[in-house]
Amino acid sequence: MAKFHGRVGFGDTVEVRPGVFADEIVEHLFYGEIIQNRRILQQDESLNRDLSISNSISIVGNAYASEHFFAIKYVEWAGELWTVTDVEVQTPRLILQLGEVYNGPTAEASVTP
């Protein structure tokens, strides 16, 4: 299996002012392994097809990841941010299923180790 080392973004919806909500993103670095490595080409009616992958990455979780696994938004892999579509908890590991390229908000502060 290929090794993994990269950023994982956790999101929390916060109220920035009355009635206005935004995602606050925190990134952490994790080590793990690539369990499954494959791509999917979406067949739909759009002119440009969307690139998706169906990779599974197993990371060694810490206390923060175990308590906030439901808030994982994206993973940095192969130089790109990918949306996490599914998280399976297998303590102490988390199995992350990746999907399409992530286009949402990212952390502005430095990465927390």
PDB file of N, CA and C in Angstrom:
ATOM      1  N   MET A   1       0.830  -1.185   0.000  1.00  0.00           N
ATOM      2  CA  MET A   1       0.000   0.000   0.000  1.00  0.00           C
ATOM      3  C   MET A   1       0.877   1.253   0.000  1.00  0.00           C
ATOM      4  N   ALA A   2       0.419   2.276  -0.683  1.00  0.00           N
ATOM      5  CA  ALA A   2       1.129   3.552  -0.731  1.00  0.00           C
ATOM      6  C   ALA A   2       0.909   4.309   0.569  1.00  0.00           C
ATOM      7  N   LYS A   3       1.902   5.062   0.959  1.00  0.00           N
ATOM      8  CA  LYS A   3       1.822   5.865   2.186  1.00  0.00           C
ATOM      9  C   LYS A   3       1.153   7.204   1.902  1.00  0.00           C
ATOM     10  N   PHE A   4       0.546   7.771   2.928  1.00  0.00           N
ATOM     11  CA  PHE A   4      -0.131   9.061   2.833  1.00  0.00           C
ATOM     12  C   PHE A   4       0.378   9.984   3.930  1.00  0.00           C
ATOM     13  N   HIS A   5       0.593  11.238   3.594  1.00  0.00           N
ATOM     14  CA  HIS A   5       0.871  12.299   4.555  1.00  0.00           C
ATOM     15  C   HIS A   5       0.287  13.581   3.978  1.00  0.00           C
ATOM     16  N   GLY A   6      -0.653  14.168   4.690  1.00  0.00           N
ATOM     17  CA  GLY A   6      -1.261  15.373   4.153  1.00  0.00           C
ATOM     18  C   GLY A   6      -2.207  16.041   5.119  1.00  0.00           C
ATOM     19  N   ARG A   7      -2.772  17.150   4.635  1.00  0.00           N
ATOM     20  CA  ARG A   7      -3.702  17.949   5.424  1.00  0.00           C
ATOM     21  C   ARG A   7      -5.111  17.388   5.333  1.00  0.00           C
ATOM     22  N   VAL A   8      -5.807  17.449   6.457  1.00  0.00           N
ATOM     23  CA  VAL A   8      -7.222  17.102   6.518  1.00  0.00           C
ATOM     24  C   VAL A   8      -7.935  18.315   7.096  1.00  0.00           C
ATOM     25  N   GLY A   9      -8.966  18.795   6.393  1.00  0.00           N
ATOM     26  CA  GLY A   9      -9.707  19.979   6.817  1.00  0.00           C
ATOM     27  C   GLY A   9     -10.996  19.612   7.538  1.00  0.00           C
ATOM     28  N   PHE A  10     -11.173  20.177   8.720  1.00  0.00           N
ATOM     29  CA  PHE A  10     -12.381  19.977   9.530  1.00  0.00           C
ATOM     30  C   PHE A  10     -13.167  21.277   9.508  1.00  0.00           C
ATOM     31  N   GLY A  11     -14.473  21.198   9.291  1.00  0.00           N
ATOM     32  CA  GLY A  11     -15.305  22.397   9.210  1.00  0.00           C
ATOM     33  C   GLY A  11     -16.357  22.444  10.289  1.00  0.00           C
ATOM     34  N   ASP A  12     -16.623  23.646  10.754  1.00  0.00           N
ATOM     35  CA  ASP A  12     -17.669  23.874  11.742  1.00  0.00           C
ATOM     36  C   ASP A  12     -18.438  25.112  11.312  1.00  0.00           C
ATOM     37  N   THR A  13     -19.748  25.015  11.239  1.00  0.00           N
ATOM     38  CA  THR A  13     -20.572  26.155  10.845  1.00  0.00           C
ATOM     39  C   THR A  13     -20.734  27.085  12.039  1.00  0.00           C
ATOM     40  N   VAL A  14     -20.327  28.344  11.859  1.00  0.00           N
ATOM     41  CA  VAL A  14     -20.418  29.340  12.925  1.00  0.00           C
ATOM     42  C   VAL A  14     -21.187  30.556  12.420  1.00  0.00           C
ATOM     43  N   GLU A  15     -21.840  31.248  13.350  1.00  0.00           N
ATOM     44  CA  GLU A  15     -22.573  32.455  12.999  1.00  0.00           C
ATOM     45  C   GLU A  15     -21.608  33.632  13.067  1.00  0.00           C
ATOM     46  N   VAL A  16     -21.311  34.246  11.908  1.00  0.00           N
ATOM     47  CA  VAL A  16     -20.359  35.357  11.868  1.00  0.00           C
ATOM     48  C   VAL A  16     -21.004  36.682  12.237  1.00  0.00           C
ATOM     49  N   ARG A  17     -22.278  36.813  11.984  1.00  0.00           N
ATOM     50  CA  ARG A  17     -23.093  37.932  12.449  1.00  0.00           C
ATOM     51  C   ARG A  17     -24.537  37.429  12.419  1.00  0.00           C
ATOM     52  N   PRO A  18     -25.445  38.123  13.056  1.00  0.00           N
ATOM     53  CA  PRO A  18     -26.813  37.610  13.150  1.00  0.00           C
ATOM     54  C   PRO A  18     -27.406  37.207  11.796  1.00  0.00           C
ATOM     55  N   GLY A  19     -27.757  35.943  11.684  1.00  0.00           N
ATOM     56  CA  GLY A  19     -28.377  35.423  10.476  1.00  0.00           C
ATOM     57  C   GLY A  19     -27.422  35.039   9.359  1.00  0.00           C
ATOM     58  N   VAL A  20     -26.109  35.222   9.554  1.00  0.00           N
ATOM     59  CA  VAL A  20     -25.115  34.891   8.528  1.00  0.00           C
ATOM     60  C   VAL A  20     -24.188  33.814   9.079  1.00  0.00           C
ATOM     61  N   PHE A  21     -24.150  32.678   8.395  1.00  0.00           N
ATOM     62  CA  PHE A  21     -23.338  31.557   8.831  1.00  0.00           C
ATOM     63  C   PHE A  21     -22.255  31.258   7.809  1.00  0.00           C
ATOM     64  N   ALA A  22     -21.112  30.792   8.282  1.00  0.00           N
ATOM     65  CA  ALA A  22     -19.991  30.439   7.409  1.00  0.00           C
ATOM     66  C   ALA A  22     -19.252  29.253   8.018  1.00  0.00           C
ATOM     67  N   ASP A  23     -18.523  28.534   7.156  1.00  0.00           N
ATOM     68  CA  ASP A  23     -17.713  27.418   7.636  1.00  0.00           C
ATOM     69  C   ASP A  23     -16.382  27.938   8.158  1.00  0.00           C
ATOM     70  N   GLU A  24     -16.036  27.531   9.362  1.00  0.00           N
ATOM     71  CA  GLU A  24     -14.725  27.820   9.930  1.00  0.00           C
ATOM     72  C   GLU A  24     -13.913  26.538   9.806  1.00  0.00           C
ATOM     73  N   ILE A  25     -12.791  26.599   9.094  1.00  0.00           N
ATOM     74  CA  ILE A  25     -12.007  25.414   8.778  1.00  0.00           C
ATOM     75  C   ILE A  25     -10.733  25.378   9.609  1.00  0.00           C
ATOM     76  N   VAL A  26     -10.434  24.187  10.137  1.00  0.00           N
ATOM     77  CA  VAL A  26      -9.193  23.928  10.860  1.00  0.00           C
ATOM     78  C   VAL A  26      -8.527  22.743  10.169  1.00  0.00           C
ATOM     79  N   GLU A  27      -7.227  22.858   9.910  1.00  0.00           N
ATOM     80  CA  GLU A  27      -6.498  21.772   9.251  1.00  0.00           C
ATOM     81  C   GLU A  27      -5.541  21.094  10.224  1.00  0.00           C
ATOM     82  N   HIS A  28      -5.414  19.779  10.070  1.00  0.00           N
ATOM     83  CA  HIS A  28      -4.467  18.986  10.843  1.00  0.00           C
ATOM     84  C   HIS A  28      -3.705  18.089   9.877  1.00  0.00           C
ATOM     85  N   LEU A  29      -2.467  17.783  10.221  1.00  0.00           N
ATOM     86  CA  LEU A  29      -1.658  16.867   9.412  1.00  0.00           C
ATOM     87  C   LEU A  29      -1.820  15.444   9.928  1.00  0.00           C
ATOM     88  N   PHE A  30      -1.939  14.498   8.985  1.00  0.00           N
ATOM     89  CA  PHE A  30      -2.091  13.093   9.358  1.00  0.00           C
ATOM     90  C   PHE A  30      -1.210  12.214   8.487  1.00  0.00           C
ATOM     91  N   TYR A  31      -0.872  11.062   9.036  1.00  0.00           N
ATOM     92  CA  TYR A  31      -0.158  10.003   8.315  1.00  0.00           C
ATOM     93  C   TYR A  31      -1.116   8.845   8.128  1.00  0.00           C
ATOM     94  N   GLY A  32      -0.893   8.075   7.081  1.00  0.00           N
ATOM     95  CA  GLY A  32      -1.730   6.903   6.859  1.00  0.00           C
ATOM     96  C   GLY A  32      -1.326   6.159   5.613  1.00  0.00           C
ATOM     97  N   GLU A  33      -2.287   5.457   5.040  1.00  0.00           N
ATOM     98  CA  GLU A  33      -2.058   4.644   3.849  1.00  0.00           C
ATOM     99  C   GLU A  33      -3.199   4.817   2.857  1.00  0.00           C
ATOM    100  N   ILE A  34      -2.859   4.715   1.572  1.00  0.00           N
ATOM    101  CA  ILE A  34      -3.866   4.717   0.515  1.00  0.00           C
ATOM    102  C   ILE A  34      -4.336   3.267   0.381  1.00  0.00           C
ATOM    103  N   ILE A  35      -5.594   3.021   0.689  1.00  0.00           N
ATOM    104  CA  ILE A  35      -6.124   1.661   0.632  1.00  0.00           C
ATOM    105  C   ILE A  35      -6.606   1.324  -0.767  1.00  0.00           C
ATOM    106  N   GLN A  36      -7.267   2.281  -1.397  1.00  0.00           N
ATOM    107  CA  GLN A  36      -7.836   2.076  -2.720  1.00  0.00           C
ATOM    108  C   GLN A  36      -7.526   3.300  -3.562  1.00  0.00           C
ATOM    109  N   ASN A  37      -7.097   3.109  -4.799  1.00  0.00           N
ATOM    110  CA  ASN A  37      -6.689   4.216  -5.660  1.00  0.00           C
ATOM    111  C   ASN A  37      -7.326   4.029  -7.031  1.00  0.00           C
ATOM    112  N   ARG A  38      -8.400   4.779  -7.312  1.00  0.00           N
ATOM    113  CA  ARG A  38      -9.056   4.685  -8.620  1.00  0.00           C
ATOM    114  C   ARG A  38      -9.801   5.973  -8.926  1.00  0.00           C
ATOM    115  N   ARG A  39     -10.078   6.194 -10.195  1.00  0.00           N
ATOM    116  CA  ARG A  39     -10.801   7.394 -10.609  1.00  0.00           C
ATOM    117  C   ARG A  39     -12.132   7.006 -11.234  1.00  0.00           C
ATOM    118  N   ILE A  40     -13.042   7.988 -11.271  1.00  0.00           N
ATOM    119  CA  ILE A  40     -14.364   7.803 -11.864  1.00  0.00           C
ATOM    120  C   ILE A  40     -14.613   8.991 -12.790  1.00  0.00           C
ATOM    121  N   LEU A  41     -15.094   8.736 -13.979  1.00  0.00           N
ATOM    122  CA  LEU A  41     -15.469   9.809 -14.898  1.00  0.00           C
ATOM    123  C   LEU A  41     -16.988   9.852 -14.932  1.00  0.00           C
ATOM    124  N   GLN A  42     -17.565  10.946 -14.408  1.00  0.00           N
ATOM    125  CA  GLN A  42     -19.017  11.073 -14.315  1.00  0.00           C
ATOM    126  C   GLN A  42     -19.637  11.208 -15.695  1.00  0.00           C
ATOM    127  N   GLN A  43     -20.649  10.434 -15.968  1.00  0.00           N
ATOM    128  CA  GLN A  43     -21.385  10.514 -17.228  1.00  0.00           C
ATOM    129  C   GLN A  43     -22.684  11.277 -16.971  1.00  0.00           C
ATOM    130  N   ASP A  44     -22.687  12.538 -17.335  1.00  0.00           N
ATOM    131  CA  ASP A  44     -23.908  13.329 -17.195  1.00  0.00           C
ATOM    132  C   ASP A  44     -24.071  14.221 -18.414  1.00  0.00           C
ATOM    133  N   GLU A  45     -25.013  15.134 -18.346  1.00  0.00           N
ATOM    134  CA  GLU A  45     -25.339  15.944 -19.507  1.00  0.00           C
ATOM    135  C   GLU A  45     -24.509  17.214 -19.636  1.00  0.00           C
ATOM    136  N   SER A  46     -23.573  17.444 -18.743  1.00  0.00           N
ATOM    137  CA  SER A  46     -22.768  18.663 -18.830  1.00  0.00           C
ATOM    138  C   SER A  46     -21.713  18.531 -19.931  1.00  0.00           C
ATOM    139  N   LEU A  47     -21.260  19.664 -20.407  1.00  0.00           N
ATOM    140  CA  LEU A  47     -20.271  19.686 -21.473  1.00  0.00           C
ATOM    141  C   LEU A  47     -18.937  19.137 -21.001  1.00  0.00           C
ATOM    142  N   ASN A  48     -18.482  19.611 -19.851  1.00  0.00           N
ATOM    143  CA  ASN A  48     -17.236  19.119 -19.271  1.00  0.00           C
ATOM    144  C   ASN A  48     -17.565  18.152 -18.147  1.00  0.00           C
ATOM    145  N   ARG A  49     -17.069  16.966 -18.250  1.00  0.00           N
ATOM    146  CA  ARG A  49     -17.349  15.958 -17.235  1.00  0.00           C
ATOM    147  C   ARG A  49     -16.589  16.276 -15.958  1.00  0.00           C
ATOM    148  N   ASP A  50     -17.195  15.927 -14.823  1.00  0.00           N
ATOM    149  CA  ASP A  50     -16.564  16.145 -13.526  1.00  0.00           C
ATOM    150  C   ASP A  50     -15.657  14.966 -13.201  1.00  0.00           C
ATOM    151  N   LEU A  51     -14.452  15.270 -12.738  1.00  0.00           N
ATOM    152  CA  LEU A  51     -13.525  14.233 -12.342  1.00  0.00           C
ATOM    153  C   LEU A  51     -13.775  13.882 -10.892  1.00  0.00           C
ATOM    154  N   SER A  52     -13.950  12.622 -10.626  1.00  0.00           N
ATOM    155  CA  SER A  52     -14.114  12.123  -9.272  1.00  0.00           C
ATOM    156  C   SER A  52     -13.137  10.980  -9.071  1.00  0.00           C
ATOM    157  N   ILE A  53     -12.773  10.789  -7.827  1.00  0.00           N
ATOM    158  CA  ILE A  53     -11.970   9.629  -7.492  1.00  0.00           C
ATOM    159  C   ILE A  53     -12.721   8.831  -6.447  1.00  0.00           C
ATOM    160  N   SER A  54     -12.379   7.604  -6.326  1.00  0.00           N
ATOM    161  CA  SER A  54     -13.011   6.753  -5.330  1.00  0.00           C
ATOM    162  C   SER A  54     -11.925   6.138  -4.471  1.00  0.00           C
ATOM    163  N   ASN A  55     -11.032   6.995  -4.001  1.00  0.00           N
ATOM    164  CA  ASN A  55      -9.927   6.541  -3.180  1.00  0.00           C
ATOM    165  C   ASN A  55     -10.360   6.383  -1.738  1.00  0.00           C
ATOM    166  N   SER A  56      -9.754   5.434  -1.068  1.00  0.00           N
ATOM    167  CA  SER A  56      -9.927   5.279   0.366  1.00  0.00           C
ATOM    168  C   SER A  56      -8.573   5.501   1.014  1.00  0.00           C
ATOM    169  N   ILE A  57      -8.548   6.388   1.984  1.00  0.00           N
ATOM    170  CA  ILE A  57      -7.324   6.686   2.716  1.00  0.00           C
ATOM    171  C   ILE A  57      -7.569   6.357   4.178  1.00  0.00           C
ATOM    172  N   SER A  58      -6.681   5.561   4.738  1.00  0.00           N
ATOM    173  CA  SER A  58      -6.749   5.210   6.144  1.00  0.00           C
ATOM    174  C   SER A  58      -5.747   6.082   6.887  1.00  0.00           C
ATOM    175  N   ILE A  59      -6.233   6.922   7.805  1.00  0.00           N
ATOM    176  CA  ILE A  59      -5.340   7.770   8.583  1.00  0.00           C
ATOM    177  C   ILE A  59      -5.317   7.293  10.026  1.00  0.00           C
ATOM    178  N   VAL A  60      -4.193   7.532  10.683  1.00  0.00           N
ATOM    179  CA  VAL A  60      -4.089   7.241  12.108  1.00  0.00           C
ATOM    180  C   VAL A  60      -4.638   8.452  12.831  1.00  0.00           C
ATOM    181  N   GLY A  61      -5.786   8.283  13.453  1.00  0.00           N
ATOM    182  CA  GLY A  61      -6.464   9.406  14.085  1.00  0.00           C
ATOM    183  C   GLY A  61      -5.865   9.769  15.432  1.00  0.00           C
ATOM    184  N   ASN A  62      -6.134  11.002  15.843  1.00  0.00           N
ATOM    185  CA  ASN A  62      -5.776  11.448  17.179  1.00  0.00           C
ATOM    186  C   ASN A  62      -7.076  11.751  17.922  1.00  0.00           C
ATOM    187  N   ALA A  63      -6.970  12.311  19.117  1.00  0.00           N
ATOM    188  CA  ALA A  63      -8.171  12.591  19.905  1.00  0.00           C
ATOM    189  C   ALA A  63      -9.099  13.566  19.176  1.00  0.00           C
ATOM    190  N   TYR A  64      -8.513  14.595  18.541  1.00  0.00           N
ATOM    191  CA  TYR A  64      -9.334  15.577  17.827  1.00  0.00           C
ATOM    192  C   TYR A  64     -10.097  14.914  16.685  1.00  0.00           C
ATOM    193  N   ALA A  65      -9.413  14.111  15.887  1.00  0.00           N
ATOM    194  CA  ALA A  65     -10.046  13.453  14.740  1.00  0.00           C
ATOM    195  C   ALA A  65     -11.149  12.503  15.197  1.00  0.00           C
ATOM    196  N   SER A  66     -10.909  11.783  16.272  1.00  0.00           N
ATOM    197  CA  SER A  66     -11.915  10.839  16.769  1.00  0.00           C
ATOM    198  C   SER A  66     -13.168  11.545  17.261  1.00  0.00           C
ATOM    199  N   GLU A  67     -13.000  12.729  17.846  1.00  0.00           N
ATOM    200  CA  GLU A  67     -14.140  13.473  18.374  1.00  0.00           C
ATOM    201  C   GLU A  67     -14.847  14.312  17.312  1.00  0.00           C
ATOM    202  N   HIS A  68     -14.157  14.618  16.196  1.00  0.00           N
ATOM    203  CA  HIS A  68     -14.716  15.503  15.163  1.00  0.00           C
ATOM    204  C   HIS A  68     -14.745  14.855  13.780  1.00  0.00           C
ATOM    205  N   PHE A  69     -14.803  13.533  13.708  1.00  0.00           N
ATOM    206  CA  PHE A  69     -14.781  12.858  12.406  1.00  0.00           C
ATOM    207  C   PHE A  69     -15.951  13.281  11.527  1.00  0.00           C
ATOM    208  N   PHE A  70     -17.066  13.655  12.127  1.00  0.00           N
ATOM    209  CA  PHE A  70     -18.253  14.073  11.381  1.00  0.00           C
ATOM    210  C   PHE A  70     -18.049  15.409  10.675  1.00  0.00           C
ATOM    211  N   ALA A  71     -17.017  16.162  11.061  1.00  0.00           N
ATOM    212  CA  ALA A  71     -16.796  17.494  10.498  1.00  0.00           C
ATOM    213  C   ALA A  71     -15.708  17.515   9.429  1.00  0.00           C
ATOM    214  N   ILE A  72     -15.200  16.354   9.021  1.00  0.00           N
ATOM    215  CA  ILE A  72     -14.137  16.331   8.014  1.00  0.00           C
ATOM    216  C   ILE A  72     -14.719  16.749   6.667  1.00  0.00           C
ATOM    217  N   LYS A  73     -14.120  17.776   6.065  1.00  0.00           N
ATOM    218  CA  LYS A  73     -14.590  18.318   4.789  1.00  0.00           C
ATOM    219  C   LYS A  73     -13.734  17.875   3.610  1.00  0.00           C
ATOM    220  N   TYR A  74     -12.401  17.897   3.768  1.00  0.00           N
ATOM    221  CA  TYR A  74     -11.523  17.610   2.633  1.00  0.00           C
ATOM    222  C   TYR A  74     -10.204  17.001   3.075  1.00  0.00           C
ATOM    223  N   VAL A  75      -9.506  16.437   2.076  1.00  0.00           N
ATOM    224  CA  VAL A  75      -8.170  15.873   2.255  1.00  0.00           C
ATOM    225  C   VAL A  75      -7.297  16.385   1.122  1.00  0.00           C
ATOM    226  N   GLU A  76      -6.071  16.748   1.439  1.00  0.00           N
ATOM    227  CA  GLU A  76      -5.113  17.119   0.399  1.00  0.00           C
ATOM    228  C   GLU A  76      -4.395  15.847  -0.041  1.00  0.00           C
ATOM    229  N   TRP A  77      -4.532  15.532  -1.329  1.00  0.00           N
ATOM    230  CA  TRP A  77      -3.893  14.339  -1.879  1.00  0.00           C
ATOM    231  C   TRP A  77      -3.527  14.620  -3.329  1.00  0.00           C
ATOM    232  N   ALA A  78      -2.355  14.216  -3.731  1.00  0.00           N
ATOM    233  CA  ALA A  78      -1.860  14.381  -5.106  1.00  0.00           C
ATOM    234  C   ALA A  78      -1.889  15.847  -5.541  1.00  0.00           C
ATOM    235  N   GLY A  79      -1.592  16.754  -4.611  1.00  0.00           N
ATOM    236  CA  GLY A  79      -1.512  18.167  -4.943  1.00  0.00           C
ATOM    237  C   GLY A  79      -2.851  18.874  -5.093  1.00  0.00           C
ATOM    238  N   GLU A  80      -3.930  18.228  -4.700  1.00  0.00           N
ATOM    239  CA  GLU A  80      -5.280  18.796  -4.857  1.00  0.00           C
ATOM    240  C   GLU A  80      -6.076  18.529  -3.599  1.00  0.00           C
ATOM    241  N   LEU A  81      -7.104  19.351  -3.354  1.00  0.00           N
ATOM    242  CA  LEU A  81      -8.020  19.111  -2.243  1.00  0.00           C
ATOM    243  C   LEU A  81      -9.206  18.313  -2.762  1.00  0.00           C
ATOM    244  N   TRP A  82      -9.545  17.216  -2.062  1.00  0.00           N
ATOM    245  CA  TRP A  82     -10.636  16.333  -2.455  1.00  0.00           C
ATOM    246  C   TRP A  82     -11.675  16.278  -1.351  1.00  0.00           C
ATOM    247  N   THR A  83     -12.951  16.286  -1.738  1.00  0.00           N
ATOM    248  CA  THR A  83     -14.058  16.202  -0.794  1.00  0.00           C
ATOM    249  C   THR A  83     -14.095  14.812  -0.162  1.00  0.00           C
ATOM    250  N   VAL A  84     -14.286  14.780   1.146  1.00  0.00           N
ATOM    251  CA  VAL A  84     -14.457  13.512   1.859  1.00  0.00           C
ATOM    252  C   VAL A  84     -15.952  13.207   1.853  1.00  0.00           C
ATOM    253  N   THR A  85     -16.323  12.092   1.221  1.00  0.00           N
ATOM    254  CA  THR A  85     -17.737  11.740   1.087  1.00  0.00           C
ATOM    255  C   THR A  85     -18.220  10.784   2.164  1.00  0.00           C
ATOM    256  N   ASP A  86     -17.283  10.068   2.806  1.00  0.00           N
ATOM    257  CA  ASP A  86     -17.665   9.067   3.802  1.00  0.00           C
ATOM    258  C   ASP A  86     -16.506   8.869   4.767  1.00  0.00           C
ATOM    259  N   VAL A  87     -16.823   8.703   6.045  1.00  0.00           N
ATOM    260  CA  VAL A  87     -15.810   8.428   7.066  1.00  0.00           C
ATOM    261  C   VAL A  87     -16.245   7.193   7.843  1.00  0.00           C
ATOM    262  N   GLU A  88     -15.364   6.214   7.898  1.00  0.00           N
ATOM    263  CA  GLU A  88     -15.618   5.003   8.676  1.00  0.00           C
ATOM    264  C   GLU A  88     -14.649   4.992   9.852  1.00  0.00           C
ATOM    265  N   VAL A  89     -15.188   4.858  11.064  1.00  0.00           N
ATOM    266  CA  VAL A  89     -14.360   4.860  12.261  1.00  0.00           C
ATOM    267  C   VAL A  89     -13.958   3.424  12.583  1.00  0.00           C
ATOM    268  N   GLN A  90     -12.646   3.181  12.591  1.00  0.00           N
ATOM    269  CA  GLN A  90     -12.067   1.904  13.005  1.00  0.00           C
ATOM    270  C   GLN A  90     -10.942   2.246  13.973  1.00  0.00           C
ATOM    271  N   THR A  91     -11.313   2.640  15.168  1.00  0.00           N
ATOM    272  CA  THR A  91     -10.382   3.167  16.150  1.00  0.00           C
ATOM    273  C   THR A  91      -9.126   2.301  16.238  1.00  0.00           C
ATOM    274  N   PRO A  92      -7.934   2.885  16.161  1.00  0.00           N
ATOM    275  CA  PRO A  92      -7.590   4.300  16.173  1.00  0.00           C
ATOM    276  C   PRO A  92      -7.540   4.918  14.775  1.00  0.00           C
ATOM    277  N   ARG A  93      -7.980   4.188  13.759  1.00  0.00           N
ATOM    278  CA  ARG A  93      -7.920   4.691  12.381  1.00  0.00           C
ATOM    279  C   ARG A  93      -9.263   5.243  11.930  1.00  0.00           C
ATOM    280  N   LEU A  94      -9.190   6.151  10.955  1.00  0.00           N
ATOM    281  CA  LEU A  94     -10.374   6.634  10.255  1.00  0.00           C
ATOM    282  C   LEU A  94     -10.170   6.328   8.782  1.00  0.00           C
ATOM    283  N   ILE A  95     -11.160   5.718   8.148  1.00  0.00           N
ATOM    284  CA  ILE A  95     -11.107   5.407   6.722  1.00  0.00           C
ATOM    285  C   ILE A  95     -11.900   6.493   6.002  1.00  0.00           C
ATOM    286  N   LEU A  96     -11.204   7.280   5.175  1.00  0.00           N
ATOM    287  CA  LEU A  96     -11.813   8.406   4.464  1.00  0.00           C
ATOM    288  C   LEU A  96     -12.033   8.039   3.009  1.00  0.00           C
ATOM    289  N   GLN A  97     -13.248   8.171   2.530  1.00  0.00           N
ATOM    290  CA  GLN A  97     -13.594   7.934   1.128  1.00  0.00           C
ATOM    291  C   GLN A  97     -13.621   9.282   0.430  1.00  0.00           C
ATOM    292  N   LEU A  98     -12.855   9.413  -0.655  1.00  0.00           N
ATOM    293  CA  LEU A  98     -12.772  10.682  -1.374  1.00  0.00           C
ATOM    294  C   LEU A  98     -13.703  10.697  -2.569  1.00  0.00           C
ATOM    295  N   GLY A  99     -14.097  11.899  -2.986  1.00  0.00           N
ATOM    296  CA  GLY A  99     -15.001  12.053  -4.124  1.00  0.00           C
ATOM    297  C   GLY A  99     -14.482  13.080  -5.107  1.00  0.00           C
ATOM    298  N   GLU A 100     -15.212  14.166  -5.282  1.00  0.00           N
ATOM    299  CA  GLU A 100     -14.860  15.201  -6.260  1.00  0.00           C
ATOM    300  C   GLU A 100     -13.845  16.187  -5.698  1.00  0.00           C
ATOM    301  N   VAL A 101     -13.335  17.042  -6.574  1.00  0.00           N
ATOM    302  CA  VAL A 101     -12.428  18.112  -6.165  1.00  0.00           C
ATOM    303  C   VAL A 101     -13.183  19.043  -5.221  1.00  0.00           C
ATOM    304  N   TYR A 102     -12.525  19.435  -4.135  1.00  0.00           N
ATOM    305  CA  TYR A 102     -13.137  20.304  -3.130  1.00  0.00           C
ATOM    306  C   TYR A 102     -12.991  21.765  -3.549  1.00  0.00           C
ATOM    307  N   ASN A 103     -14.100  22.504  -3.539  1.00  0.00           N
ATOM    308  CA  ASN A 103     -14.094  23.908  -3.945  1.00  0.00           C
ATOM    309  C   ASN A 103     -14.580  24.834  -2.846  1.00  0.00           C
ATOM    310  N   GLY A 104     -14.700  24.331  -1.630  1.00  0.00           N
ATOM    311  CA  GLY A 104     -15.220  25.136  -0.525  1.00  0.00           C
ATOM    312  C   GLY A 104     -14.128  25.923   0.181  1.00  0.00           C
ATOM    313  N   PRO A 105     -14.474  26.481   1.332  1.00  0.00           N
ATOM    314  CA  PRO A 105     -13.510  27.273   2.091  1.00  0.00           C
ATOM    315  C   PRO A 105     -12.392  26.396   2.663  1.00  0.00           C
ATOM    316  N   THR A 106     -11.227  27.002   2.851  1.00  0.00           N
ATOM    317  CA  THR A 106     -10.088  26.294   3.438  1.00  0.00           C
ATOM    318  C   THR A 106      -9.577  27.090   4.626  1.00  0.00           C
ATOM    319  N   ALA A 107      -8.661  26.503   5.360  1.00  0.00           N
ATOM    320  CA  ALA A 107      -8.098  27.177   6.544  1.00  0.00           C
ATOM    321  C   ALA A 107      -7.197  28.321   6.103  1.00  0.00           C
ATOM    322  N   GLU A 108      -7.303  29.438   6.778  1.00  0.00           N
ATOM    323  CA  GLU A 108      -6.454  30.585   6.467  1.00  0.00           C
ATOM    324  C   GLU A 108      -5.241  30.629   7.395  1.00  0.00           C
ATOM    325  N   ALA A 109      -5.368  30.002   8.562  1.00  0.00           N
ATOM    326  CA  ALA A 109      -4.272  30.000   9.532  1.00  0.00           C
ATOM    327  C   ALA A 109      -3.305  28.862   9.217  1.00  0.00           C
ATOM    328  N   SER A 110      -2.257  28.780   9.973  1.00  0.00           N
ATOM    329  CA  SER A 110      -1.276  27.718   9.753  1.00  0.00           C
ATOM    330  C   SER A 110      -1.845  26.367  10.164  1.00  0.00           C
ATOM    331  N   VAL A 111      -1.219  25.322   9.671  1.00  0.00           N
ATOM    332  CA  VAL A 111      -1.666  23.957   9.942  1.00  0.00           C
ATOM    333  C   VAL A 111      -1.310  23.581  11.361  1.00  0.00           C
ATOM    334  N   THR A 112      -2.252  22.975  12.086  1.00  0.00           N
ATOM    335  CA  THR A 112      -2.019  22.506  13.428  1.00  0.00           C
ATOM    336  C   THR A 112      -1.512  21.082  13.380  1.00  0.00           C
ATOM    337  N   PRO A 113      -0.337  20.804  13.977  1.00  0.00           N
ATOM    338  CA  PRO A 113       0.190  19.424  13.932  1.00  0.00           C
ATOM    339  C   PRO A 113      -0.595  18.484  14.797  1.00  0.00           C
TER     340      PRO A 113
END
